[in-house]
Amino acid sequence: MNRPTVASYCTTFLKPEMLHIYRQIKGLRRYETFVICKERQSEDLYPMPEGGIEVAPGVKSNFLRRFWLKYIKHEPRSSIGESTGCWRVC
């Protein structure tokens, strides 16, 4: 019988002080797990099985977009909650 799959997202997997996150991911016995991250660190401290980590490519335009909004348009960054609220109203 196939086990359900759990995907975990962590920007940096894993810094040396993040043992609690590793224990949570490895503690899921009834689930297949894999991690999506932007950067991989401490591979010797936190081993994962082959195919257990997917390093996502970074978005290059994010810096330019933040710079444009902050210094040119003088607008604050919108958060997820604000954009979600906007969708409900529209």
Foldseek 3Di string as FASTA:
>chain_A
DAAAEDEAEDAEADDPVPVVVLCVQVVPPRHHYAYEYQYYPDCVVRPDDVVRYHHDHDDPCPVVVCCCCCPPVNHDDDDPVRVVVVVVVD
